[in-house]
Amino acid sequence: MANQSFWSNANTLIETGIEIYKLMEQTGKSKSFSYDTSVEKITDGVLLISDDKEFLLVINKESKLAKALSDLVISYGEDKAGYLVYPGERSAIPLFELSKIDESIRDYIISEESLRATLCGNYPEYVKTYNAIAPPGVDIRDADAPPSLYLQKQLDLASDEVRFQVAEFQDVYEANNHVFEDVMELER
């Protein structure tokens, strides 16, 4: 049931993102539209579609980068409306592979160590399969880095989550502060 809810939201993100992308094709600039959905063109055929809760890496199946993806990477994506879709942390898989062949992707990744930590921690089967076919010295090795912080969008979402938790704590504190004051008054 949760998976259905996720894909319902993912489909909305994809549809909105593709419409935004069509509007921004003329300028080549990222745009943000209603419903807090934004689209960033990482490179030709590769988009990052996000809202205030999640993000999707979306790769046009007709792009040259999509055609360069291994079958292994393609198997981790979902085929939606002619695009390969990789939600959240699953984006680490194609980003890792694409970063080896495209400088724009490489530049978009803010932490290679976090990318590797994400792959090793969350996708050990991918890492095992990749390392079995990779030439010596090109294998994926774990890194001592926090996972899931390899893109700026992840840092932004984590920062928003921390702000939300702090605000929630402040609300609870303010709601219960009178209890603390009453206890302090009793001790005097």
C-alpha atoms as a PDB file:
ATOM      1  CA  MET A   1       0.000   0.000   0.000  1.00  0.00           C
ATOM      2  CA  ALA A   2       2.823   2.422   0.863  1.00  0.00           C
ATOM      3  CA  ASN A   3       4.509   1.584  -2.433  1.00  0.00           C
ATOM      4  CA  GLN A   4       1.306   2.524  -4.298  1.00  0.00           C
ATOM      5  CA  SER A   5       1.166   5.840  -2.436  1.00  0.00           C
ATOM      6  CA  PHE A   6       4.801   6.513  -3.257  1.00  0.00           C
ATOM      7  CA  TRP A   7       4.303   5.867  -6.980  1.00  0.00           C
ATOM      8  CA  SER A   8       1.159   7.968  -7.012  1.00  0.00           C
ATOM      9  CA  ASN A   9       3.203  10.889  -5.693  1.00  0.00           C
ATOM     10  CA  ALA A  10       6.138   9.951  -7.940  1.00  0.00           C
ATOM     11  CA  ASN A  11       3.893   9.937 -11.007  1.00  0.00           C
ATOM     12  CA  THR A  12       2.599  13.388 -10.061  1.00  0.00           C
ATOM     13  CA  LEU A  13       6.169  14.594  -9.642  1.00  0.00           C
ATOM     14  CA  ILE A  14       7.178  13.107 -12.999  1.00  0.00           C
ATOM     15  CA  GLU A  15       4.203  14.561 -14.860  1.00  0.00           C
ATOM     16  CA  THR A  16       4.682  17.991 -13.307  1.00  0.00           C
ATOM     17  CA  GLY A  17       8.429  17.808 -13.813  1.00  0.00           C
ATOM     18  CA  ILE A  18       8.143  16.883 -17.475  1.00  0.00           C
ATOM     19  CA  GLU A  19       5.731  19.753 -18.079  1.00  0.00           C
ATOM     20  CA  ILE A  20       8.125  22.127 -16.318  1.00  0.00           C
ATOM     21  CA  TYR A  21      11.007  20.731 -18.349  1.00  0.00           C
ATOM     22  CA  LYS A  22       9.152  21.342 -21.599  1.00  0.00           C
ATOM     23  CA  LEU A  23       8.618  24.956 -20.533  1.00  0.00           C
ATOM     24  CA  MET A  24      12.258  25.434 -19.578  1.00  0.00           C
ATOM     25  CA  GLU A  25      13.749  23.790 -22.675  1.00  0.00           C
ATOM     26  CA  GLN A  26      13.948  27.137 -24.454  1.00  0.00           C
ATOM     27  CA  THR A  27      15.964  28.834 -21.697  1.00  0.00           C
ATOM     28  CA  GLY A  28      17.871  25.843 -20.358  1.00  0.00           C
ATOM     29  CA  LYS A  29      17.410  27.156 -16.809  1.00  0.00           C
ATOM     30  CA  SER A  30      15.959  25.371 -13.807  1.00  0.00           C
ATOM     31  CA  LYS A  31      12.528  26.500 -12.718  1.00  0.00           C
ATOM     32  CA  SER A  32      10.299  26.077  -9.728  1.00  0.00           C
ATOM     33  CA  PHE A  33       6.541  26.036 -10.095  1.00  0.00           C
ATOM     34  CA  SER A  34       3.481  25.571  -7.954  1.00  0.00           C
ATOM     35  CA  TYR A  35       3.171  22.747  -5.468  1.00  0.00           C
ATOM     36  CA  ASP A  36       6.837  23.235  -4.561  1.00  0.00           C
ATOM     37  CA  THR A  37       7.877  21.066  -7.489  1.00  0.00           C
ATOM     38  CA  SER A  38      11.170  21.969  -9.061  1.00  0.00           C
ATOM     39  CA  VAL A  39      13.140  20.583 -11.951  1.00  0.00           C
ATOM     40  CA  GLU A  40      16.873  20.835 -12.426  1.00  0.00           C
ATOM     41  CA  LYS A  41      18.447  19.852 -15.692  1.00  0.00           C
ATOM     42  CA  ILE A  42      21.672  18.136 -14.682  1.00  0.00           C
ATOM     43  CA  THR A  43      22.699  17.440 -18.265  1.00  0.00           C
ATOM     44  CA  ASP A  44      20.990  16.519 -21.527  1.00  0.00           C
ATOM     45  CA  GLY A  45      18.396  13.868 -20.787  1.00  0.00           C
ATOM     46  CA  VAL A  46      18.957  13.815 -17.007  1.00  0.00           C
ATOM     47  CA  LEU A  47      16.676  15.716 -14.629  1.00  0.00           C
ATOM     48  CA  LEU A  48      16.250  16.010 -10.880  1.00  0.00           C
ATOM     49  CA  ILE A  49      12.568  16.493 -10.054  1.00  0.00           C
ATOM     50  CA  SER A  50      11.779  17.328  -6.453  1.00  0.00           C
ATOM     51  CA  ASP A  51       9.274  18.705  -4.045  1.00  0.00           C
ATOM     52  CA  ASP A  52       9.689  19.590  -0.385  1.00  0.00           C
ATOM     53  CA  LYS A  53       9.762  15.918   0.685  1.00  0.00           C
ATOM     54  CA  GLU A  54      11.475  13.810  -1.928  1.00  0.00           C
ATOM     55  CA  PHE A  55      13.315  13.789  -5.203  1.00  0.00           C
ATOM     56  CA  LEU A  56      13.542  11.653  -8.299  1.00  0.00           C
ATOM     57  CA  LEU A  57      16.379  11.269 -10.757  1.00  0.00           C
ATOM     58  CA  VAL A  58      14.743  10.999 -14.168  1.00  0.00           C
ATOM     59  CA  ILE A  59      16.627   9.890 -17.278  1.00  0.00           C
ATOM     60  CA  ASN A  60      15.123  10.162 -20.749  1.00  0.00           C
ATOM     61  CA  LYS A  61      15.355   6.659 -22.208  1.00  0.00           C
ATOM     62  CA  GLU A  62      16.215   8.110 -25.636  1.00  0.00           C
ATOM     63  CA  SER A  63      19.185  10.126 -24.356  1.00  0.00           C
ATOM     64  CA  LYS A  64      22.754   9.077 -25.070  1.00  0.00           C
ATOM     65  CA  LEU A  65      23.403   8.713 -21.329  1.00  0.00           C
ATOM     66  CA  ALA A  66      20.470   6.322 -20.907  1.00  0.00           C
ATOM     67  CA  LYS A  67      21.867   4.242 -23.737  1.00  0.00           C
ATOM     68  CA  ALA A  68      25.221   4.137 -21.939  1.00  0.00           C
ATOM     69  CA  LEU A  69      23.690   2.687 -18.749  1.00  0.00           C
ATOM     70  CA  SER A  70      24.389  -0.935 -17.982  1.00  0.00           C
ATOM     71  CA  ASP A  71      21.520  -3.404 -17.806  1.00  0.00           C
ATOM     72  CA  LEU A  72      22.238  -3.667 -14.092  1.00  0.00           C
ATOM     73  CA  VAL A  73      21.571   0.047 -13.537  1.00  0.00           C
ATOM     74  CA  ILE A  74      18.489  -0.031 -15.762  1.00  0.00           C
ATOM     75  CA  SER A  75      17.098  -2.895 -13.669  1.00  0.00           C
ATOM     76  CA  TYR A  76      17.038  -0.618 -10.596  1.00  0.00           C
ATOM     77  CA  GLY A  77      14.953   2.036 -12.382  1.00  0.00           C
ATOM     78  CA  GLU A  78      11.253   2.214 -13.045  1.00  0.00           C
ATOM     79  CA  ASP A  79      10.116   2.821 -16.624  1.00  0.00           C
ATOM     80  CA  LYS A  80       7.575   5.660 -16.505  1.00  0.00           C
ATOM     81  CA  ALA A  81       6.384   7.574 -19.582  1.00  0.00           C
ATOM     82  CA  GLY A  82       9.606   6.995 -21.540  1.00  0.00           C
ATOM     83  CA  TYR A  83      11.859   7.862 -18.622  1.00  0.00           C
ATOM     84  CA  LEU A  84      13.881   5.781 -16.207  1.00  0.00           C
ATOM     85  CA  VAL A  85      12.999   6.934 -12.705  1.00  0.00           C
ATOM     86  CA  TYR A  86      15.194   6.492  -9.635  1.00  0.00           C
ATOM     87  CA  PRO A  87      13.604   7.739  -6.400  1.00  0.00           C
ATOM     88  CA  GLY A  88      15.686   9.191  -3.595  1.00  0.00           C
ATOM     89  CA  GLU A  89      18.686   7.129  -2.570  1.00  0.00           C
ATOM     90  CA  ARG A  90      18.237   4.754  -5.490  1.00  0.00           C
ATOM     91  CA  SER A  91      19.545   7.635  -7.629  1.00  0.00           C
ATOM     92  CA  ALA A  92      23.008   6.740  -6.289  1.00  0.00           C
ATOM     93  CA  ILE A  93      23.131   3.770  -8.659  1.00  0.00           C
ATOM     94  CA  PRO A  94      22.822   5.595 -11.995  1.00  0.00           C
ATOM     95  CA  LEU A  95      24.658   8.656 -10.693  1.00  0.00           C
ATOM     96  CA  PHE A  96      27.676   6.518  -9.827  1.00  0.00           C
ATOM     97  CA  GLU A  97      27.787   4.927 -13.250  1.00  0.00           C
ATOM     98  CA  LEU A  98      27.037   8.133 -15.160  1.00  0.00           C
ATOM     99  CA  SER A  99      29.645  10.084 -13.195  1.00  0.00           C
ATOM    100  CA  LYS A 100      32.284   7.876 -14.786  1.00  0.00           C
ATOM    101  CA  ILE A 101      31.329   9.075 -18.288  1.00  0.00           C
ATOM    102  CA  ASP A 102      29.835  12.577 -17.904  1.00  0.00           C
ATOM    103  CA  GLU A 103      31.517  15.585 -16.326  1.00  0.00           C
ATOM    104  CA  SER A 104      28.222  17.375 -15.625  1.00  0.00           C
ATOM    105  CA  ILE A 105      27.075  14.436 -13.513  1.00  0.00           C
ATOM    106  CA  ARG A 106      30.432  14.275 -11.761  1.00  0.00           C
ATOM    107  CA  ASP A 107      30.202  17.991 -10.939  1.00  0.00           C
ATOM    108  CA  TYR A 108      26.632  17.624  -9.664  1.00  0.00           C
ATOM    109  CA  ILE A 109      27.651  15.084  -7.019  1.00  0.00           C
ATOM    110  CA  ILE A 110      28.824  17.011  -3.971  1.00  0.00           C
ATOM    111  CA  SER A 111      30.264  14.010  -2.110  1.00  0.00           C
ATOM    112  CA  GLU A 112      31.702  10.981  -3.889  1.00  0.00           C
ATOM    113  CA  GLU A 113      32.361   9.438  -0.459  1.00  0.00           C
ATOM    114  CA  SER A 114      28.712   9.738   0.568  1.00  0.00           C
ATOM    115  CA  LEU A 115      27.697   8.273  -2.791  1.00  0.00           C
ATOM    116  CA  ARG A 116      29.918   5.227  -2.205  1.00  0.00           C
ATOM    117  CA  ALA A 117      28.737   4.902   1.414  1.00  0.00           C
ATOM    118  CA  THR A 118      25.141   4.937   0.163  1.00  0.00           C
ATOM    119  CA  LEU A 119      25.832   2.270  -2.436  1.00  0.00           C
ATOM    120  CA  CYS A 120      27.709   0.018   0.000  1.00  0.00           C
ATOM    121  CA  GLY A 121      25.201   0.471   2.813  1.00  0.00           C
ATOM    122  CA  ASN A 122      21.947   0.320   0.873  1.00  0.00           C
ATOM    123  CA  TYR A 123      22.712  -1.609  -2.297  1.00  0.00           C
ATOM    124  CA  PRO A 124      25.258  -4.311  -1.445  1.00  0.00           C
ATOM    125  CA  GLU A 125      23.997  -6.574  -4.251  1.00  0.00           C
ATOM    126  CA  TYR A 126      24.639  -3.836  -6.810  1.00  0.00           C
ATOM    127  CA  VAL A 127      28.111  -3.231  -5.358  1.00  0.00           C
ATOM    128  CA  LYS A 128      28.912  -6.950  -5.381  1.00  0.00           C
ATOM    129  CA  THR A 129      27.763  -7.358  -8.989  1.00  0.00           C
ATOM    130  CA  TYR A 130      29.506  -4.164 -10.132  1.00  0.00           C
ATOM    131  CA  ASN A 131      32.771  -5.101  -8.408  1.00  0.00           C
ATOM    132  CA  ALA A 132      32.678  -8.577  -9.967  1.00  0.00           C
ATOM    133  CA  ILE A 133      32.721  -7.093 -13.481  1.00  0.00           C
ATOM    134  CA  ALA A 134      34.727  -3.904 -12.845  1.00  0.00           C
ATOM    135  CA  PRO A 135      38.407  -3.750 -13.802  1.00  0.00           C
ATOM    136  CA  PRO A 136      40.866  -3.840 -10.890  1.00  0.00           C
ATOM    137  CA  GLY A 137      41.135  -0.507  -9.106  1.00  0.00           C
ATOM    138  CA  VAL A 138      37.756   0.736 -10.357  1.00  0.00           C
ATOM    139  CA  ASP A 139      35.642  -1.198  -7.879  1.00  0.00           C
ATOM    140  CA  ILE A 140      33.298   0.458  -5.392  1.00  0.00           C
ATOM    141  CA  ARG A 141      34.810   0.701  -1.939  1.00  0.00           C
ATOM    142  CA  ASP A 142      32.965   1.800   1.148  1.00  0.00           C
ATOM    143  CA  ALA A 143      33.768   5.233   2.532  1.00  0.00           C
ATOM    144  CA  ASP A 144      33.684   6.639   6.023  1.00  0.00           C
ATOM    145  CA  ALA A 145      31.039   9.223   5.189  1.00  0.00           C
ATOM    146  CA  PRO A 146      27.403   9.795   5.999  1.00  0.00           C
ATOM    147  CA  PRO A 147      25.199   8.028   3.456  1.00  0.00           C
ATOM    148  CA  SER A 148      22.497   9.784   1.463  1.00  0.00           C
ATOM    149  CA  LEU A 149      24.182  13.183   1.388  1.00  0.00           C
ATOM    150  CA  TYR A 150      25.799  13.067  -2.041  1.00  0.00           C
ATOM    151  CA  LEU A 151      23.506  15.697  -3.630  1.00  0.00           C
ATOM    152  CA  GLN A 152      22.756  19.250  -2.551  1.00  0.00           C
ATOM    153  CA  LYS A 153      19.042  18.387  -2.621  1.00  0.00           C
ATOM    154  CA  GLN A 154      19.609  15.760   0.079  1.00  0.00           C
ATOM    155  CA  LEU A 155      21.395  18.290   2.264  1.00  0.00           C
ATOM    156  CA  ASP A 156      18.534  20.728   1.749  1.00  0.00           C
ATOM    157  CA  LEU A 157      15.917  18.109   2.639  1.00  0.00           C
ATOM    158  CA  ALA A 158      17.922  17.049   5.724  1.00  0.00           C
ATOM    159  CA  SER A 159      18.239  20.670   6.793  1.00  0.00           C
ATOM    160  CA  ASP A 160      14.485  21.175   6.369  1.00  0.00           C
ATOM    161  CA  GLU A 161      13.840  18.054   8.443  1.00  0.00           C
ATOM    162  CA  VAL A 162      16.103  19.322  11.239  1.00  0.00           C
ATOM    163  CA  ARG A 163      14.349  22.708  11.187  1.00  0.00           C
ATOM    164  CA  PHE A 164      10.987  20.917  11.387  1.00  0.00           C
ATOM    165  CA  GLN A 165      12.143  18.811  14.354  1.00  0.00           C
ATOM    166  CA  VAL A 166      13.513  21.866  16.172  1.00  0.00           C
ATOM    167  CA  ALA A 167      10.251  23.750  15.607  1.00  0.00           C
ATOM    168  CA  GLU A 168       8.294  20.724  16.836  1.00  0.00           C
ATOM    169  CA  PHE A 169      10.506  20.512  19.947  1.00  0.00           C
ATOM    170  CA  GLN A 170      10.019  24.224  20.603  1.00  0.00           C
ATOM    171  CA  ASP A 171       6.248  23.801  20.355  1.00  0.00           C
ATOM    172  CA  VAL A 172       6.326  20.916  22.844  1.00  0.00           C
ATOM    173  CA  TYR A 173       8.652  22.872  25.139  1.00  0.00           C
ATOM    174  CA  GLU A 174       6.446  25.956  25.066  1.00  0.00           C
ATOM    175  CA  ALA A 175       3.325  23.869  25.648  1.00  0.00           C
ATOM    176  CA  ASN A 176       4.936  22.171  28.655  1.00  0.00           C
ATOM    177  CA  ASN A 177       7.015  25.069  29.969  1.00  0.00           C
ATOM    178  CA  HIS A 178       4.360  25.930  32.537  1.00  0.00           C
ATOM    179  CA  VAL A 179       4.909  22.503  34.150  1.00  0.00           C
ATOM    180  CA  PHE A 180       8.623  23.269  34.522  1.00  0.00           C
ATOM    181  CA  GLU A 181       7.840  26.696  35.973  1.00  0.00           C
ATOM    182  CA  ASP A 182       5.326  25.152  38.398  1.00  0.00           C
ATOM    183  CA  VAL A 183       7.924  22.618  39.585  1.00  0.00           C
ATOM    184  CA  MET A 184      10.513  25.386  40.032  1.00  0.00           C
ATOM    185  CA  GLU A 185       7.982  27.422  42.006  1.00  0.00           C
ATOM    186  CA  LEU A 186       7.294  24.451  44.295  1.00  0.00           C
ATOM    187  CA  GLU A 187      11.004  24.008  44.975  1.00  0.00           C
ATOM    188  CA  ARG A 188      11.380  27.626  46.091  1.00  0.00           C
END
